[in-house]
mmCIF file of all heavy atoms, coordinates in Angstrom:
data_MODEL
# 
_entry.id   MODEL 
# 
loop_
_atom_site.group_PDB 
_atom_site.id 
_atom_site.type_symbol 
_atom_site.label_atom_id 
_atom_site.label_alt_id 
_atom_site.label_comp_id 
_atom_site.label_asym_id 
_atom_site.label_entity_id 
_atom_site.label_seq_id 
_atom_site.pdbx_PDB_ins_code 
_atom_site.Cartn_x 
_atom_site.Cartn_y 
_atom_site.Cartn_z 
_atom_site.occupancy 
_atom_site.B_iso_or_equiv 
_atom_site.pdbx_formal_charge 
_atom_site.auth_seq_id 
_atom_site.auth_comp_id 
_atom_site.auth_asym_id 
_atom_site.auth_atom_id 
_atom_site.pdbx_PDB_model_num 
ATOM 1   N N   . VAL A 1 1  ? 0.856  -1.189  0.005   1.00 0.00 ? 1  VAL A N   1 
ATOM 2   C CA  . VAL A 1 1  ? -0.001 -0.024  -0.008  1.00 0.00 ? 1  VAL A CA  1 
ATOM 3   C C   . VAL A 1 1  ? 0.893  1.258   -0.008  1.00 0.00 ? 1  VAL A C   1 
ATOM 4   O O   . VAL A 1 1  ? 0.371  2.354   -0.060  1.00 0.00 ? 1  VAL A O   1 
ATOM 5   C CB  . VAL A 1 1  ? -0.965 0.022   1.201   1.00 0.00 ? 1  VAL A CB  1 
ATOM 6   C CG1 . VAL A 1 1  ? -1.991 -1.074  1.098   1.00 0.00 ? 1  VAL A CG1 1 
ATOM 7   C CG2 . VAL A 1 1  ? -0.259 0.002   2.518   1.00 0.00 ? 1  VAL A CG2 1 
ATOM 8   N N   . GLN A 1 2  ? 2.202  1.040   0.041   1.00 0.00 ? 2  GLN A N   1 
ATOM 9   C CA  . GLN A 1 2  ? 3.142  2.118   -0.002  1.00 0.00 ? 2  GLN A CA  1 
ATOM 10  C C   . GLN A 1 2  ? 3.301  2.591   -1.446  1.00 0.00 ? 2  GLN A C   1 
ATOM 11  O O   . GLN A 1 2  ? 2.878  1.939   -2.392  1.00 0.00 ? 2  GLN A O   1 
ATOM 12  C CB  . GLN A 1 2  ? 4.516  1.644   0.425   1.00 0.00 ? 2  GLN A CB  1 
ATOM 13  C CG  . GLN A 1 2  ? 4.683  1.231   1.842   1.00 0.00 ? 2  GLN A CG  1 
ATOM 14  C CD  . GLN A 1 2  ? 6.085  0.756   2.094   1.00 0.00 ? 2  GLN A CD  1 
ATOM 15  O OE1 . GLN A 1 2  ? 6.484  -0.301  1.619   1.00 0.00 ? 2  GLN A OE1 1 
ATOM 16  N NE2 . GLN A 1 2  ? 6.871  1.523   2.847   1.00 0.00 ? 2  GLN A NE2 1 
ATOM 17  N N   . SER A 1 3  ? 4.011  3.696   -1.596  1.00 0.00 ? 3  SER A N   1 
ATOM 18  C CA  . SER A 1 3  ? 4.486  4.117   -2.881  1.00 0.00 ? 3  SER A CA  1 
ATOM 19  C C   . SER A 1 3  ? 5.429  2.982   -3.375  1.00 0.00 ? 3  SER A C   1 
ATOM 20  O O   . SER A 1 3  ? 6.211  2.439   -2.570  1.00 0.00 ? 3  SER A O   1 
ATOM 21  C CB  . SER A 1 3  ? 5.293  5.413   -2.719  1.00 0.00 ? 3  SER A CB  1 
ATOM 22  O OG  . SER A 1 3  ? 6.255  5.555   -3.702  1.00 0.00 ? 3  SER A OG  1 
ATOM 23  N N   . LEU A 1 4  ? 5.425  2.671   -4.651  1.00 0.00 ? 4  LEU A N   1 
ATOM 24  C CA  . LEU A 1 4  ? 6.361  1.675   -5.153  1.00 0.00 ? 4  LEU A CA  1 
ATOM 25  C C   . LEU A 1 4  ? 7.800  2.133   -4.986  1.00 0.00 ? 4  LEU A C   1 
ATOM 26  O O   . LEU A 1 4  ? 8.694  1.318   -4.734  1.00 0.00 ? 4  LEU A O   1 
ATOM 27  C CB  . LEU A 1 4  ? 6.087  1.318   -6.617  1.00 0.00 ? 4  LEU A CB  1 
ATOM 28  C CG  . LEU A 1 4  ? 5.105  0.180   -6.902  1.00 0.00 ? 4  LEU A CG  1 
ATOM 29  C CD1 . LEU A 1 4  ? 5.159  -0.175  -8.368  1.00 0.00 ? 4  LEU A CD1 1 
ATOM 30  C CD2 . LEU A 1 4  ? 5.276  -0.993  -6.030  1.00 0.00 ? 4  LEU A CD2 1 
ATOM 31  N N   . THR A 1 5  ? 8.040  3.423   -5.041  1.00 0.00 ? 5  THR A N   1 
ATOM 32  C CA  . THR A 1 5  ? 9.372  3.920   -4.874  1.00 0.00 ? 5  THR A CA  1 
ATOM 33  C C   . THR A 1 5  ? 9.894  3.588   -3.487  1.00 0.00 ? 5  THR A C   1 
ATOM 34  O O   . THR A 1 5  ? 10.982 3.046   -3.321  1.00 0.00 ? 5  THR A O   1 
ATOM 35  C CB  . THR A 1 5  ? 9.401  5.469   -5.021  1.00 0.00 ? 5  THR A CB  1 
ATOM 36  O OG1 . THR A 1 5  ? 8.891  5.821   -6.304  1.00 0.00 ? 5  THR A OG1 1 
ATOM 37  C CG2 . THR A 1 5  ? 10.797 6.015   -4.892  1.00 0.00 ? 5  THR A CG2 1 
ATOM 38  N N   . ALA A 1 6  ? 9.058  3.842   -2.444  1.00 0.00 ? 6  ALA A N   1 
ATOM 39  C CA  . ALA A 1 6  ? 9.430  3.516   -1.099  1.00 0.00 ? 6  ALA A CA  1 
ATOM 40  C C   . ALA A 1 6  ? 9.601  1.994   -0.898  1.00 0.00 ? 6  ALA A C   1 
ATOM 41  O O   . ALA A 1 6  ? 10.564 1.513   -0.281  1.00 0.00 ? 6  ALA A O   1 
ATOM 42  C CB  . ALA A 1 6  ? 8.428  4.073   -0.100  1.00 0.00 ? 6  ALA A CB  1 
ATOM 43  N N   . ARG A 1 7  ? 8.648  1.243   -1.414  1.00 0.00 ? 7  ARG A N   1 
ATOM 44  C CA  . ARG A 1 7  ? 8.687  -0.239  -1.230  1.00 0.00 ? 7  ARG A CA  1 
ATOM 45  C C   . ARG A 1 7  ? 9.914  -0.846  -1.890  1.00 0.00 ? 7  ARG A C   1 
ATOM 46  O O   . ARG A 1 7  ? 10.596 -1.658  -1.292  1.00 0.00 ? 7  ARG A O   1 
ATOM 47  C CB  . ARG A 1 7  ? 7.406  -0.867  -1.813  1.00 0.00 ? 7  ARG A CB  1 
ATOM 48  C CG  . ARG A 1 7  ? 7.402  -2.380  -1.659  1.00 0.00 ? 7  ARG A CG  1 
ATOM 49  C CD  . ARG A 1 7  ? 7.381  -2.798  -0.205  1.00 0.00 ? 7  ARG A CD  1 
ATOM 50  N NE  . ARG A 1 7  ? 7.620  -4.194  -0.016  1.00 0.00 ? 7  ARG A NE  1 
ATOM 51  C CZ  . ARG A 1 7  ? 8.812  -4.698  0.385   1.00 0.00 ? 7  ARG A CZ  1 
ATOM 52  N NH1 . ARG A 1 7  ? 9.825  -3.944  0.615   1.00 0.00 ? 7  ARG A NH1 1 
ATOM 53  N NH2 . ARG A 1 7  ? 8.940  -5.996  0.560   1.00 0.00 ? 7  ARG A NH2 1 
ATOM 54  N N   . PHE A 1 8  ? 10.237 -0.403  -3.101  1.00 0.00 ? 8  PHE A N   1 
ATOM 55  C CA  . PHE A 1 8  ? 11.365 -0.954  -3.797  1.00 0.00 ? 8  PHE A CA  1 
ATOM 56  C C   . PHE A 1 8  ? 12.694 -0.516  -3.165  1.00 0.00 ? 8  PHE A C   1 
ATOM 57  O O   . PHE A 1 8  ? 13.636 -1.280  -3.070  1.00 0.00 ? 8  PHE A O   1 
ATOM 58  C CB  . PHE A 1 8  ? 11.328 -0.624  -5.280  1.00 0.00 ? 8  PHE A CB  1 
ATOM 59  C CG  . PHE A 1 8  ? 10.498 -1.585  -6.083  1.00 0.00 ? 8  PHE A CG  1 
ATOM 60  C CD1 . PHE A 1 8  ? 9.150  -1.768  -5.765  1.00 0.00 ? 8  PHE A CD1 1 
ATOM 61  C CD2 . PHE A 1 8  ? 11.037 -2.338  -7.109  1.00 0.00 ? 8  PHE A CD2 1 
ATOM 62  C CE1 . PHE A 1 8  ? 8.378  -2.687  -6.468  1.00 0.00 ? 8  PHE A CE1 1 
ATOM 63  C CE2 . PHE A 1 8  ? 10.262 -3.257  -7.780  1.00 0.00 ? 8  PHE A CE2 1 
ATOM 64  C CZ  . PHE A 1 8  ? 8.922  -3.422  -7.481  1.00 0.00 ? 8  PHE A CZ  1 
ATOM 65  N N   . ARG A 1 9  ? 12.758 0.733   -2.748  1.00 0.00 ? 9  ARG A N   1 
ATOM 66  C CA  . ARG A 1 9  ? 13.984 1.217   -2.073  1.00 0.00 ? 9  ARG A CA  1 
ATOM 67  C C   . ARG A 1 9  ? 14.251 0.359   -0.844  1.00 0.00 ? 9  ARG A C   1 
ATOM 68  O O   . ARG A 1 9  ? 15.380 -0.092  -0.649  1.00 0.00 ? 9  ARG A O   1 
ATOM 69  C CB  . ARG A 1 9  ? 13.829 2.695   -1.661  1.00 0.00 ? 9  ARG A CB  1 
ATOM 70  C CG  . ARG A 1 9  ? 15.084 3.250   -1.014  1.00 0.00 ? 9  ARG A CG  1 
ATOM 71  C CD  . ARG A 1 9  ? 14.902 4.728   -0.610  1.00 0.00 ? 9  ARG A CD  1 
ATOM 72  N NE  . ARG A 1 9  ? 14.445 5.567   -1.663  1.00 0.00 ? 9  ARG A NE  1 
ATOM 73  C CZ  . ARG A 1 9  ? 13.317 6.252   -1.647  1.00 0.00 ? 9  ARG A CZ  1 
ATOM 74  N NH1 . ARG A 1 9  ? 12.515 6.251   -0.577  1.00 0.00 ? 9  ARG A NH1 1 
ATOM 75  N NH2 . ARG A 1 9  ? 12.970 7.010   -2.661  1.00 0.00 ? 9  ARG A NH2 1 
ATOM 76  N N   . TYR A 1 10 ? 13.241 0.109   -0.068  1.00 0.00 ? 10 TYR A N   1 
ATOM 77  C CA  . TYR A 1 10 ? 13.394 -0.723  1.165   1.00 0.00 ? 10 TYR A CA  1 
ATOM 78  C C   . TYR A 1 10 ? 13.819 -2.141  0.789   1.00 0.00 ? 10 TYR A C   1 
ATOM 79  O O   . TYR A 1 10 ? 14.749 -2.680  1.365   1.00 0.00 ? 10 TYR A O   1 
ATOM 80  C CB  . TYR A 1 10 ? 12.077 -0.737  1.905   1.00 0.00 ? 10 TYR A CB  1 
ATOM 81  C CG  . TYR A 1 10 ? 12.067 -1.523  3.216   1.00 0.00 ? 10 TYR A CG  1 
ATOM 82  C CD1 . TYR A 1 10 ? 12.918 -1.182  4.226   1.00 0.00 ? 10 TYR A CD1 1 
ATOM 83  C CD2 . TYR A 1 10 ? 11.190 -2.588  3.333   1.00 0.00 ? 10 TYR A CD2 1 
ATOM 84  C CE1 . TYR A 1 10 ? 12.924 -1.915  5.413   1.00 0.00 ? 10 TYR A CE1 1 
ATOM 85  C CE2 . TYR A 1 10 ? 11.180 -3.317  4.545   1.00 0.00 ? 10 TYR A CE2 1 
ATOM 86  C CZ  . TYR A 1 10 ? 12.059 -2.982  5.547   1.00 0.00 ? 10 TYR A CZ  1 
ATOM 87  O OH  . TYR A 1 10 ? 12.056 -3.703  6.722   1.00 0.00 ? 10 TYR A OH  1 
ATOM 88  N N   . GLY A 1 11 ? 13.154 -2.737  -0.190  1.00 0.00 ? 11 GLY A N   1 
ATOM 89  C CA  . GLY A 1 11 ? 13.451 -4.112  -0.597  1.00 0.00 ? 11 GLY A CA  1 
ATOM 90  C C   . GLY A 1 11 ? 14.809 -4.291  -1.249  1.00 0.00 ? 11 GLY A C   1 
ATOM 91  O O   . GLY A 1 11 ? 15.430 -5.332  -1.171  1.00 0.00 ? 11 GLY A O   1 
ATOM 92  N N   . LEU A 1 12 ? 15.258 -3.247  -1.936  1.00 0.00 ? 12 LEU A N   1 
ATOM 93  C CA  . LEU A 1 12 ? 16.556 -3.319  -2.599  1.00 0.00 ? 12 LEU A CA  1 
ATOM 94  C C   . LEU A 1 12 ? 17.725 -2.958  -1.719  1.00 0.00 ? 12 LEU A C   1 
ATOM 95  O O   . LEU A 1 12 ? 18.837 -3.516  -1.865  1.00 0.00 ? 12 LEU A O   1 
ATOM 96  C CB  . LEU A 1 12 ? 16.597 -2.397  -3.835  1.00 0.00 ? 12 LEU A CB  1 
ATOM 97  C CG  . LEU A 1 12 ? 15.622 -2.817  -4.984  1.00 0.00 ? 12 LEU A CG  1 
ATOM 98  C CD1 . LEU A 1 12 ? 15.582 -1.701  -6.054  1.00 0.00 ? 12 LEU A CD1 1 
ATOM 99  C CD2 . LEU A 1 12 ? 16.075 -4.131  -5.597  1.00 0.00 ? 12 LEU A CD2 1 
ATOM 100 N N   . LYS A 1 13 ? 17.532 -2.086  -0.739  1.00 0.00 ? 13 LYS A N   1 
ATOM 101 C CA  . LYS A 1 13 ? 18.574 -1.626  0.143   1.00 0.00 ? 13 LYS A CA  1 
ATOM 102 C C   . LYS A 1 13 ? 18.829 -2.515  1.372   1.00 0.00 ? 13 LYS A C   1 
ATOM 103 O O   . LYS A 1 13 ? 19.925 -2.524  1.925   1.00 0.00 ? 13 LYS A O   1 
ATOM 104 C CB  . LYS A 1 13 ? 18.298 -0.198  0.617   1.00 0.00 ? 13 LYS A CB  1 
ATOM 105 C CG  . LYS A 1 13 ? 18.411 0.825   -0.440  1.00 0.00 ? 13 LYS A CG  1 
ATOM 106 C CD  . LYS A 1 13 ? 19.858 1.195   -0.634  1.00 0.00 ? 13 LYS A CD  1 
ATOM 107 C CE  . LYS A 1 13 ? 19.963 2.384   -1.618  1.00 0.00 ? 13 LYS A CE  1 
ATOM 108 N NZ  . LYS A 1 13 ? 21.322 2.585   -1.985  1.00 0.00 ? 13 LYS A NZ  1 
ATOM 109 N N   . ALA A 1 14 ? 17.779 -3.190  1.821   1.00 0.00 ? 14 ALA A N   1 
ATOM 110 C CA  . ALA A 1 14 ? 17.913 -3.991  3.041   1.00 0.00 ? 14 ALA A CA  1 
ATOM 111 C C   . ALA A 1 14 ? 19.083 -4.984  2.953   1.00 0.00 ? 14 ALA A C   1 
ATOM 112 O O   . ALA A 1 14 ? 19.291 -5.621  1.939   1.00 0.00 ? 14 ALA A O   1 
ATOM 113 C CB  . ALA A 1 14 ? 16.604 -4.745  3.318   1.00 0.00 ? 14 ALA A CB  1 
ATOM 114 N N   . ASP A 1 15 ? 19.854 -5.055  4.072   1.00 0.00 ? 15 ASP A N   1 
ATOM 115 C CA  . ASP A 1 15 ? 21.015 -5.876  4.061   1.00 0.00 ? 15 ASP A CA  1 
ATOM 116 C C   . ASP A 1 15 ? 21.040 -6.898  5.194   1.00 0.00 ? 15 ASP A C   1 
ATOM 117 O O   . ASP A 1 15 ? 22.053 -7.561  5.474   1.00 0.00 ? 15 ASP A O   1 
ATOM 118 C CB  . ASP A 1 15 ? 22.262 -5.010  4.187   1.00 0.00 ? 15 ASP A CB  1 
ATOM 119 C CG  . ASP A 1 15 ? 22.315 -4.145  5.414   1.00 0.00 ? 15 ASP A CG  1 
ATOM 120 O OD1 . ASP A 1 15 ? 21.430 -4.324  6.286   1.00 0.00 ? 15 ASP A OD1 1 
ATOM 121 O OD2 . ASP A 1 15 ? 23.216 -3.294  5.523   1.00 0.00 ? 15 ASP A OD2 1 
ATOM 122 N N   . GLY A 1 16 ? 19.946 -7.012  5.932   1.00 0.00 ? 16 GLY A N   1 
ATOM 123 C CA  . GLY A 1 16 ? 19.862 -7.983  7.003   1.00 0.00 ? 16 GLY A CA  1 
ATOM 124 C C   . GLY A 1 16 ? 20.276 -7.404  8.355   1.00 0.00 ? 16 GLY A C   1 
ATOM 125 O O   . GLY A 1 16 ? 20.034 -8.061  9.396   1.00 0.00 ? 16 GLY A O   1 
ATOM 126 N N   . SER A 1 17 ? 20.797 -6.203  8.384   1.00 0.00 ? 17 SER A N   1 
ATOM 127 C CA  . SER A 1 17 ? 21.241 -5.661  9.668   1.00 0.00 ? 17 SER A CA  1 
ATOM 128 C C   . SER A 1 17 ? 20.071 -5.414  10.631  1.00 0.00 ? 17 SER A C   1 
ATOM 129 O O   . SER A 1 17 ? 20.296 -5.378  11.841  1.00 0.00 ? 17 SER A O   1 
ATOM 130 C CB  . SER A 1 17 ? 22.014 -4.360  9.428   1.00 0.00 ? 17 SER A CB  1 
ATOM 131 O OG  . SER A 1 17 ? 21.203 -3.377  8.830   1.00 0.00 ? 17 SER A OG  1 
ATOM 132 N N   . LYS A 1 18 ? 18.867 -5.276  10.125  1.00 0.00 ? 18 LYS A N   1 
ATOM 133 C CA  . LYS A 1 18 ? 17.703 -5.090  10.983  1.00 0.00 ? 18 LYS A CA  1 
ATOM 134 C C   . LYS A 1 18 ? 16.741 -6.281  10.840  1.00 0.00 ? 18 LYS A C   1 
ATOM 135 O O   . LYS A 1 18 ? 15.563 -6.183  11.102  1.00 0.00 ? 18 LYS A O   1 
ATOM 136 C CB  . LYS A 1 18 ? 16.999 -3.805  10.617  1.00 0.00 ? 18 LYS A CB  1 
ATOM 137 C CG  . LYS A 1 18 ? 17.844 -2.606  10.907  1.00 0.00 ? 18 LYS A CG  1 
ATOM 138 C CD  . LYS A 1 18 ? 17.148 -1.307  10.602  1.00 0.00 ? 18 LYS A CD  1 
ATOM 139 C CE  . LYS A 1 18 ? 18.081 -0.151  10.897  1.00 0.00 ? 18 LYS A CE  1 
ATOM 140 N NZ  . LYS A 1 18 ? 17.549 1.149   10.555  1.00 0.00 ? 18 LYS A NZ  1 
ATOM 141 N N   . GLY A 1 19 ? 17.269 -7.396  10.396  1.00 0.00 ? 19 GLY A N   1 
ATOM 142 C CA  . GLY A 1 19 ? 16.491 -8.652  10.297  1.00 0.00 ? 19 GLY A CA  1 
ATOM 143 C C   . GLY A 1 19 ? 15.946 -8.917  8.925   1.00 0.00 ? 19 GLY A C   1 
ATOM 144 O O   . GLY A 1 19 ? 15.729 -10.050 8.589   1.00 0.00 ? 19 GLY A O   1 
ATOM 145 N N   . TYR A 1 20 ? 15.686 -7.893  8.136   1.00 0.00 ? 20 TYR A N   1 
ATOM 146 C CA  . TYR A 1 20 ? 15.153 -8.075  6.791   1.00 0.00 ? 20 TYR A CA  1 
ATOM 147 C C   . TYR A 1 20 ? 16.291 -7.988  5.780   1.00 0.00 ? 20 TYR A C   1 
ATOM 148 O O   . TYR A 1 20 ? 17.040 -7.016  5.740   1.00 0.00 ? 20 TYR A O   1 
ATOM 149 C CB  . TYR A 1 20 ? 14.085 -7.026  6.516   1.00 0.00 ? 20 TYR A CB  1 
ATOM 150 C CG  . TYR A 1 20 ? 13.487 -7.011  5.124   1.00 0.00 ? 20 TYR A CG  1 
ATOM 151 C CD1 . TYR A 1 20 ? 12.854 -8.154  4.598   1.00 0.00 ? 20 TYR A CD1 1 
ATOM 152 C CD2 . TYR A 1 20 ? 13.586 -5.897  4.318   1.00 0.00 ? 20 TYR A CD2 1 
ATOM 153 C CE1 . TYR A 1 20 ? 12.300 -8.148  3.321   1.00 0.00 ? 20 TYR A CE1 1 
ATOM 154 C CE2 . TYR A 1 20 ? 13.017 -5.885  3.049   1.00 0.00 ? 20 TYR A CE2 1 
ATOM 155 C CZ  . TYR A 1 20 ? 12.382 -7.013  2.547   1.00 0.00 ? 20 TYR A CZ  1 
ATOM 156 O OH  . TYR A 1 20 ? 11.845 -7.022  1.279   1.00 0.00 ? 20 TYR A OH  1 
ATOM 157 N N   . HIS A 1 21 ? 16.374 -9.001  4.908   1.00 0.00 ? 21 HIS A N   1 
ATOM 158 C CA  . HIS A 1 21 ? 17.462 -9.050  3.913   1.00 0.00 ? 21 HIS A CA  1 
ATOM 159 C C   . HIS A 1 21 ? 17.029 -8.454  2.576   1.00 0.00 ? 21 HIS A C   1 
ATOM 160 O O   . HIS A 1 21 ? 17.869 -8.378  1.663   1.00 0.00 ? 21 HIS A O   1 
ATOM 161 C CB  . HIS A 1 21 ? 17.917 -10.496 3.736   1.00 0.00 ? 21 HIS A CB  1 
ATOM 162 C CG  . HIS A 1 21 ? 18.639 -10.986 4.929   1.00 0.00 ? 21 HIS A CG  1 
ATOM 163 N ND1 . HIS A 1 21 ? 20.018 -10.856 5.116   1.00 0.00 ? 21 HIS A ND1 1 
ATOM 164 C CD2 . HIS A 1 21 ? 18.178 -11.597 6.055   1.00 0.00 ? 21 HIS A CD2 1 
ATOM 165 C CE1 . HIS A 1 21 ? 20.375 -11.392 6.244   1.00 0.00 ? 21 HIS A CE1 1 
ATOM 166 N NE2 . HIS A 1 21 ? 19.291 -11.850 6.859   1.00 0.00 ? 21 HIS A NE2 1 
ATOM 167 N N   . GLY A 1 22 ? 15.804 -8.114  2.426   1.00 0.00 ? 22 GLY A N   1 
ATOM 168 C CA  . GLY A 1 22 ? 15.355 -7.479  1.186   1.00 0.00 ? 22 GLY A CA  1 
ATOM 169 C C   . GLY A 1 22 ? 14.931 -8.512  0.134   1.00 0.00 ? 22 GLY A C   1 
ATOM 170 O O   . GLY A 1 22 ? 14.870 -9.703  0.395   1.00 0.00 ? 22 GLY A O   1 
ATOM 171 N N   . TYR A 1 23 ? 14.661 -7.970  -1.023  1.00 0.00 ? 23 TYR A N   1 
ATOM 172 C CA  . TYR A 1 23 ? 14.258 -8.815  -2.124  1.00 0.00 ? 23 TYR A CA  1 
ATOM 173 C C   . TYR A 1 23 ? 15.356 -9.794  -2.512  1.00 0.00 ? 23 TYR A C   1 
ATOM 174 O O   . TYR A 1 23 ? 16.530 -9.412  -2.657  1.00 0.00 ? 23 TYR A O   1 
ATOM 175 C CB  . TYR A 1 23 ? 13.940 -7.993  -3.371  1.00 0.00 ? 23 TYR A CB  1 
ATOM 176 C CG  . TYR A 1 23 ? 12.704 -7.124  -3.286  1.00 0.00 ? 23 TYR A CG  1 
ATOM 177 C CD1 . TYR A 1 23 ? 12.776 -5.798  -3.521  1.00 0.00 ? 23 TYR A CD1 1 
ATOM 178 C CD2 . TYR A 1 23 ? 11.462 -7.690  -2.991  1.00 0.00 ? 23 TYR A CD2 1 
ATOM 179 C CE1 . TYR A 1 23 ? 11.645 -4.970  -3.490  1.00 0.00 ? 23 TYR A CE1 1 
ATOM 180 C CE2 . TYR A 1 23 ? 10.337 -6.902  -2.901  1.00 0.00 ? 23 TYR A CE2 1 
ATOM 181 C CZ  . TYR A 1 23 ? 10.451 -5.521  -3.171  1.00 0.00 ? 23 TYR A CZ  1 
ATOM 182 O OH  . TYR A 1 23 ? 9.312  -4.736  -3.127  1.00 0.00 ? 23 TYR A OH  1 
ATOM 183 N N   . LYS A 1 24 ? 15.010 -11.063 -2.660  1.00 0.00 ? 24 LYS A N   1 
ATOM 184 C CA  . LYS A 1 24 ? 16.026 -12.037 -3.078  1.00 0.00 ? 24 LYS A CA  1 
ATOM 185 C C   . LYS A 1 24 ? 16.389 -11.909 -4.534  1.00 0.00 ? 24 LYS A C   1 
ATOM 186 O O   . LYS A 1 24 ? 17.395 -12.431 -4.991  1.00 0.00 ? 24 LYS A O   1 
ATOM 187 C CB  . LYS A 1 24 ? 15.485 -13.440 -2.788  1.00 0.00 ? 24 LYS A CB  1 
ATOM 188 C CG  . LYS A 1 24 ? 15.421 -13.697 -1.299  1.00 0.00 ? 24 LYS A CG  1 
ATOM 189 C CD  . LYS A 1 24 ? 15.087 -15.138 -1.010  1.00 0.00 ? 24 LYS A CD  1 
ATOM 190 C CE  . LYS A 1 24 ? 15.105 -15.327 0.500   1.00 0.00 ? 24 LYS A CE  1 
ATOM 191 N NZ  . LYS A 1 24 ? 15.106 -16.742 0.874   1.00 0.00 ? 24 LYS A NZ  1 
ATOM 192 N N   . TRP A 1 25 ? 15.610 -11.187 -5.332  1.00 0.00 ? 25 TRP A N   1 
ATOM 193 C CA  . TRP A 1 25 ? 15.913 -10.973 -6.727  1.00 0.00 ? 25 TRP A CA  1 
ATOM 194 C C   . TRP A 1 25 ? 16.696 -9.694  -6.982  1.00 0.00 ? 25 TRP A C   1 
ATOM 195 O O   . TRP A 1 25 ? 17.002 -9.321  -8.116  1.00 0.00 ? 25 TRP A O   1 
ATOM 196 C CB  . TRP A 1 25 ? 14.614 -10.960 -7.581  1.00 0.00 ? 25 TRP A CB  1 
ATOM 197 C CG  . TRP A 1 25 ? 13.562 -10.009 -7.072  1.00 0.00 ? 25 TRP A CG  1 
ATOM 198 C CD1 . TRP A 1 25 ? 12.534 -10.308 -6.218  1.00 0.00 ? 25 TRP A CD1 1 
ATOM 199 C CD2 . TRP A 1 25 ? 13.460 -8.624  -7.362  1.00 0.00 ? 25 TRP A CD2 1 
ATOM 200 N NE1 . TRP A 1 25 ? 11.810 -9.182  -5.974  1.00 0.00 ? 25 TRP A NE1 1 
ATOM 201 C CE2 . TRP A 1 25 ? 12.342 -8.117  -6.664  1.00 0.00 ? 25 TRP A CE2 1 
ATOM 202 C CE3 . TRP A 1 25 ? 14.206 -7.736  -8.146  1.00 0.00 ? 25 TRP A CE3 1 
ATOM 203 C CZ2 . TRP A 1 25 ? 11.968 -6.786  -6.741  1.00 0.00 ? 25 TRP A CZ2 1 
ATOM 204 C CZ3 . TRP A 1 25 ? 13.822 -6.414  -8.211  1.00 0.00 ? 25 TRP A CZ3 1 
ATOM 205 C CH2 . TRP A 1 25 ? 12.704 -5.940  -7.521  1.00 0.00 ? 25 TRP A CH2 1 
ATOM 206 N N   . LYS A 1 26 ? 17.111 -9.014  -5.947  1.00 0.00 ? 26 LYS A N   1 
ATOM 207 C CA  . LYS A 1 26 ? 17.718 -7.696  -6.062  1.00 0.00 ? 26 LYS A CA  1 
ATOM 208 C C   . LYS A 1 26 ? 19.083 -7.670  -6.779  1.00 0.00 ? 26 LYS A C   1 
ATOM 209 O O   . LYS A 1 26 ? 19.540 -6.632  -7.200  1.00 0.00 ? 26 LYS A O   1 
ATOM 210 C CB  . LYS A 1 26 ? 17.829 -6.984  -4.754  1.00 0.00 ? 26 LYS A CB  1 
ATOM 211 C CG  . LYS A 1 26 ? 18.761 -7.610  -3.738  1.00 0.00 ? 26 LYS A CG  1 
ATOM 212 C CD  . LYS A 1 26 ? 18.687 -6.851  -2.425  1.00 0.00 ? 26 LYS A CD  1 
ATOM 213 C CE  . LYS A 1 26 ? 19.521 -7.485  -1.368  1.00 0.00 ? 26 LYS A CE  1 
ATOM 214 N NZ  . LYS A 1 26 ? 19.361 -6.787  -0.078  1.00 0.00 ? 26 LYS A NZ  1 
ATOM 215 N N   . ASN A 1 27 ? 19.672 -8.857  -6.943  1.00 0.00 ? 27 ASN A N   1 
ATOM 216 C CA  . ASN A 1 27 ? 20.955 -8.932  -7.689  1.00 0.00 ? 27 ASN A CA  1 
ATOM 217 C C   . ASN A 1 27 ? 20.805 -9.156  -9.157  1.00 0.00 ? 27 ASN A C   1 
ATOM 218 O O   . ASN A 1 27 ? 21.769 -9.261  -9.886  1.00 0.00 ? 27 ASN A O   1 
ATOM 219 C CB  . ASN A 1 27 ? 21.846 -9.992  -7.071  1.00 0.00 ? 27 ASN A CB  1 
ATOM 220 C CG  . ASN A 1 27 ? 22.242 -9.624  -5.632  1.00 0.00 ? 27 ASN A CG  1 
ATOM 221 O OD1 . ASN A 1 27 ? 22.512 -8.454  -5.330  1.00 0.00 ? 27 ASN A OD1 1 
ATOM 222 N ND2 . ASN A 1 27 ? 22.238 -10.597 -4.764  1.00 0.00 ? 27 ASN A ND2 1 
ATOM 223 N N   . LYS A 1 28 ? 19.579 -9.209  -9.626  1.00 0.00 ? 28 LYS A N   1 
ATOM 224 C CA  . LYS A 1 28 ? 19.337 -9.338  -11.081 1.00 0.00 ? 28 LYS A CA  1 
ATOM 225 C C   . LYS A 1 28 ? 19.709 -8.022  -11.778 1.00 0.00 ? 28 LYS A C   1 
ATOM 226 O O   . LYS A 1 28 ? 19.696 -6.983  -11.170 1.00 0.00 ? 28 LYS A O   1 
ATOM 227 C CB  . LYS A 1 28 ? 17.847 -9.662  -11.344 1.00 0.00 ? 28 LYS A CB  1 
ATOM 228 C CG  . LYS A 1 28 ? 17.402 -10.952 -10.775 1.00 0.00 ? 28 LYS A CG  1 
ATOM 229 C CD  . LYS A 1 28 ? 18.004 -12.102 -11.482 1.00 0.00 ? 28 LYS A CD  1 
ATOM 230 C CE  . LYS A 1 28 ? 17.505 -13.448 -10.950 1.00 0.00 ? 28 LYS A CE  1 
ATOM 231 N NZ  . LYS A 1 28 ? 18.141 -14.535 -11.625 1.00 0.00 ? 28 LYS A NZ  1 
# 
């Protein structure tokens, strides 16, 4: 329900430091 910009930024930037590793496809 977020802006796609915000959702994708979060999913692409996450590195696991806060528990979430982000999108698994982010290295495509």
